[in-house]
Amino acid sequence: MTAHRRLRSAAGLLAVSLLAAGCGLSDELDRESDPGRRPDTTPATTPAVPSMTVPAPVRTGALPGEPTRPAAPGTTSCPASGVRAEPGPVDAAMGLRAMTVRLTNCGKEIYQLGGYPVLTVLDEDREPLDVQVLKGPGKITTLDDPGPHPVSLARGESATTSLVWRNTVTDPTTTAVNAPFLRITPVEGGPTTVLTVDGGLDLGNTGRLGTTAWKKAG
């Protein structure tokens, strides 16, 4: 199998994975794997972030003993916050990376979301790294973003956000970032949890991580 066919195969697998999560990266991945393809002249845009007031979650508080790995399938454990964050696998096509984070309401009360999650990239010692988190994926890739809107989760319901970045090294004098941990706060001022990222966030030295707004999972 030629290198070109292997790249197209990897891109196809990533497109199927993200379409299942409602992401829609197939066009971008085609361009990543086949640079000779005629480009789409439609400009990519990222929705403006309107001013909005997001209701605070019904359940708040710290997350003592929050696991850094998602709970095993079938488990009934639920954090004190009433919501459980689970990272999906990291998919890759050439230098483009993508990951979906699922937030499930495992508590008894309605949980309110709106807008983008608050993210902090952490090193091996769980110290924050100098990474710019973008509200919207437009500066990294063309990916559908629902934009900020209220999302209400009843018990057992879930919402997802998609994270995208590029493993690109443009300056050999700068140390490339490969962070193993990600701290996520579903809503501003709410409880946080630390996720262990499969394979790490290999941002190269781009220093940027894009995210879509929360969207209710089907």
Protein backbone atom coordinates (compact mmCIF):
# COMPACT_ATOMS: atom_id res chain seq x y z
CA MET A 1 0.00 0.00 0.00
CA THR A 2 1.46 3.38 -0.98
CA ALA A 3 1.95 6.16 1.59
CA HIS A 4 -0.71 8.22 -0.22
CA ARG A 5 -3.28 5.39 0.11
CA ARG A 6 -2.38 4.88 3.80
CA LEU A 7 -2.99 8.61 4.49
CA ARG A 8 -6.35 8.48 2.71
CA SER A 9 -7.29 5.38 4.76
CA ALA A 10 -6.38 7.08 8.07
CA ALA A 11 -8.32 10.17 7.07
CA GLY A 12 -11.37 8.06 6.21
CA LEU A 13 -11.34 6.34 9.61
CA LEU A 14 -11.21 9.70 11.41
CA ALA A 15 -14.05 11.11 9.33
CA VAL A 16 -16.32 8.15 10.22
CA SER A 17 -15.47 8.48 13.93
CA LEU A 18 -16.21 12.21 14.09
CA LEU A 19 -19.35 12.02 11.98
CA ALA A 20 -20.75 9.53 14.50
CA ALA A 21 -20.24 12.20 17.17
CA GLY A 22 -21.86 14.87 15.00
CA CYS A 23 -18.61 16.66 14.14
CA GLY A 24 -18.47 16.53 10.30
CA LEU A 25 -14.72 16.71 9.53
CA SER A 26 -14.88 14.67 6.31
CA ASP A 27 -14.30 17.57 3.88
CA GLU A 28 -11.37 18.90 5.89
CA LEU A 29 -9.80 15.45 6.16
CA ASP A 30 -10.09 14.95 2.39
CA ARG A 31 -8.09 18.13 1.91
CA GLU A 32 -5.55 17.05 4.55
CA SER A 33 -4.87 13.72 2.84
CA ASP A 34 -5.11 14.93 -0.81
CA PRO A 35 -3.54 18.41 -1.19
CA GLY A 36 -4.12 18.27 -4.98
CA ARG A 37 -7.87 18.22 -4.53
CA ARG A 38 -9.68 21.32 -5.81
CA PRO A 39 -10.30 23.48 -2.74
CA ASP A 40 -13.70 24.56 -1.54
CA THR A 41 -13.95 28.32 -2.14
CA THR A 42 -16.61 28.81 0.51
CA PRO A 43 -14.92 30.73 3.37
CA ALA A 44 -14.93 28.97 6.73
CA THR A 45 -16.47 30.96 9.50
CA THR A 46 -16.73 30.56 13.23
CA PRO A 47 -20.04 31.73 14.74
CA ALA A 48 -19.84 34.92 16.73
CA VAL A 49 -20.12 34.43 20.46
CA PRO A 50 -23.22 36.34 21.58
CA SER A 51 -23.53 37.77 25.02
CA MET A 52 -25.64 35.47 27.12
CA THR A 53 -26.32 34.60 30.70
CA VAL A 54 -25.93 30.93 31.49
CA PRO A 55 -27.85 29.55 34.49
CA ALA A 56 -25.59 28.05 37.11
CA PRO A 57 -25.67 24.25 37.40
CA VAL A 58 -28.14 22.94 39.92
CA ARG A 59 -25.44 20.74 41.47
CA THR A 60 -22.16 22.40 42.40
CA GLY A 61 -19.15 21.76 44.57
CA ALA A 62 -15.69 20.24 44.42
CA LEU A 63 -15.03 16.81 43.03
CA PRO A 64 -13.16 14.94 45.77
CA GLY A 65 -11.51 11.81 44.46
CA GLU A 66 -12.61 12.47 40.87
CA PRO A 67 -10.97 9.75 38.72
CA THR A 68 -8.69 10.81 35.88
CA ARG A 69 -9.98 7.94 33.75
CA PRO A 70 -13.62 7.50 32.73
CA ALA A 71 -15.62 5.06 34.79
CA ALA A 72 -15.83 1.54 33.41
CA PRO A 73 -18.92 0.75 31.32
CA GLY A 74 -21.85 -0.27 33.45
CA THR A 75 -20.58 1.43 36.60
CA THR A 76 -23.08 3.30 38.76
CA SER A 77 -20.57 5.64 40.42
CA CYS A 78 -21.29 9.35 40.09
CA PRO A 79 -19.12 12.32 41.17
CA ALA A 80 -20.39 14.71 43.85
CA SER A 81 -21.08 17.29 41.13
CA GLY A 82 -23.76 15.06 39.59
CA VAL A 83 -22.05 15.04 36.17
CA ARG A 84 -19.36 12.77 34.75
CA ALA A 85 -16.89 13.86 32.04
CA GLU A 86 -15.41 11.18 29.77
CA PRO A 87 -12.73 11.74 27.11
CA GLY A 88 -12.97 9.89 23.82
CA PRO A 89 -10.00 8.54 21.86
CA VAL A 90 -7.74 10.95 19.98
CA ASP A 91 -8.19 10.61 16.22
CA ALA A 92 -5.49 11.77 13.81
CA ALA A 93 -5.13 12.52 10.11
CA MET A 94 -1.67 13.79 9.20
CA GLY A 95 -1.08 16.75 11.56
CA LEU A 96 -4.72 17.26 12.54
CA ARG A 97 -6.00 15.90 15.86
CA ALA A 98 -9.54 15.68 17.25
CA MET A 99 -11.18 14.41 20.42
CA THR A 100 -14.72 14.40 21.76
CA VAL A 101 -15.50 14.92 25.45
CA ARG A 102 -18.86 13.63 26.68
CA LEU A 103 -20.55 15.05 29.78
CA THR A 104 -23.30 12.90 31.32
CA ASN A 105 -25.77 13.95 34.01
CA CYS A 106 -25.65 11.09 36.50
CA GLY A 107 -27.29 13.09 39.31
CA LYS A 108 -30.91 13.61 40.23
CA GLU A 109 -31.35 17.25 39.17
CA ILE A 110 -31.44 19.06 35.82
CA TYR A 111 -27.96 20.26 34.79
CA GLN A 112 -27.70 23.46 32.76
CA LEU A 113 -24.98 24.13 30.17
CA GLY A 114 -24.39 26.91 27.68
CA GLY A 115 -21.49 28.01 25.49
CA TYR A 116 -17.98 26.63 25.60
CA PRO A 117 -16.22 24.57 28.28
CA VAL A 118 -13.35 26.13 30.21
CA LEU A 119 -10.19 24.14 29.41
CA THR A 120 -6.69 24.14 30.89
CA VAL A 121 -3.89 22.02 29.42
CA LEU A 122 -1.72 20.44 32.16
CA ASP A 123 1.78 18.98 32.19
CA GLU A 124 2.98 15.79 33.92
CA ASP A 125 2.86 17.56 37.29
CA ARG A 126 -0.64 18.87 36.54
CA GLU A 127 0.67 22.41 36.22
CA PRO A 128 -0.95 24.70 33.60
CA LEU A 129 0.83 25.13 30.27
CA ASP A 130 0.84 28.27 28.14
CA VAL A 131 -1.78 27.16 25.61
CA GLN A 132 -4.37 29.39 23.96
CA VAL A 133 -7.85 27.85 24.12
CA LEU A 134 -10.02 29.09 21.25
CA LYS A 135 -13.79 29.42 21.45
CA GLY A 136 -14.52 27.88 18.08
CA PRO A 137 -12.39 25.68 15.80
CA GLY A 138 -12.21 28.07 12.83
CA LYS A 139 -8.54 29.03 13.26
CA ILE A 140 -7.52 25.37 13.26
CA THR A 141 -9.89 23.59 10.86
CA THR A 142 -13.31 23.82 9.24
CA LEU A 143 -15.56 22.06 11.74
CA ASP A 144 -19.24 22.58 12.48
CA ASP A 145 -19.77 24.53 15.70
CA PRO A 146 -23.30 24.93 17.09
CA GLY A 147 -22.28 28.12 18.89
CA PRO A 148 -23.38 29.09 22.41
CA HIS A 149 -26.92 28.03 23.26
CA PRO A 150 -28.66 26.74 26.40
CA VAL A 151 -28.47 22.98 26.95
CA SER A 152 -30.48 21.24 29.69
CA LEU A 153 -29.53 17.72 30.70
CA ALA A 154 -31.99 15.52 32.57
CA ARG A 155 -30.70 12.51 34.48
CA GLY A 156 -29.00 10.11 32.05
CA GLU A 157 -28.69 12.65 29.22
CA SER A 158 -25.35 13.75 27.75
CA ALA A 159 -23.74 16.64 25.89
CA THR A 160 -20.54 16.68 23.84
CA THR A 161 -17.83 19.14 22.86
CA SER A 162 -15.21 18.52 20.17
CA LEU A 163 -11.57 19.56 20.65
CA VAL A 164 -9.21 20.06 17.70
CA TRP A 165 -5.51 20.88 17.42
CA ARG A 166 -2.51 20.38 15.15
CA ASN A 167 0.73 18.57 15.86
CA THR A 168 2.87 21.11 14.04
CA VAL A 169 6.42 22.19 14.85
CA THR A 170 7.28 25.49 13.19
CA ASP A 171 10.13 26.58 15.48
CA PRO A 172 12.84 23.99 16.26
CA THR A 173 14.15 26.19 19.09
CA THR A 174 10.86 25.89 21.01
CA THR A 175 9.99 22.78 23.00
CA ALA A 176 7.01 20.94 21.54
CA VAL A 177 4.04 20.39 23.88
CA ASN A 178 2.69 16.90 24.58
CA ALA A 179 0.46 17.30 27.63
CA PRO A 180 -1.02 14.20 29.31
CA PHE A 181 -3.80 15.95 31.25
CA LEU A 182 -6.70 18.29 30.54
CA ARG A 183 -8.71 20.13 33.20
CA ILE A 184 -12.27 20.80 32.12
CA THR A 185 -14.91 23.02 33.70
CA PRO A 186 -18.27 22.50 31.97
CA VAL A 187 -19.52 26.02 32.85
CA GLU A 188 -17.71 29.08 34.15
CA GLY A 189 -17.36 28.90 37.92
CA GLY A 190 -18.60 25.32 38.13
CA PRO A 191 -16.90 22.15 39.38
CA THR A 192 -13.87 20.85 37.50
CA THR A 193 -12.37 17.49 36.69
CA VAL A 194 -9.01 16.38 35.28
CA LEU A 195 -9.03 14.01 32.32
CA THR A 196 -6.20 11.79 31.13
CA VAL A 197 -5.89 12.23 27.37
CA ASP A 198 -5.24 9.13 25.28
CA GLY A 199 -1.76 9.66 23.82
CA GLY A 200 -1.60 13.21 25.18
CA LEU A 201 -2.33 16.60 23.65
CA ASP A 202 0.55 16.78 21.15
CA LEU A 203 0.23 20.44 20.21
CA GLY A 204 3.72 20.76 18.72
CA ASN A 205 4.62 24.40 19.29
CA THR A 206 1.40 25.83 17.86
CA GLY A 207 0.13 26.59 21.37
CA ARG A 208 -3.54 26.46 20.32
CA LEU A 209 -6.49 24.23 21.18
CA GLY A 210 -9.90 24.79 19.58
CA THR A 211 -13.24 23.72 21.04
CA THR A 212 -16.84 23.66 19.90
CA ALA A 213 -19.73 24.72 22.12
CA TRP A 214 -21.62 22.10 24.11
CA LYS A 215 -24.22 20.22 22.07
CA LYS A 216 -26.80 17.80 23.38
CA ALA A 217 -25.96 14.25 22.37
CA GLY A 218 -28.55 12.38 20.36
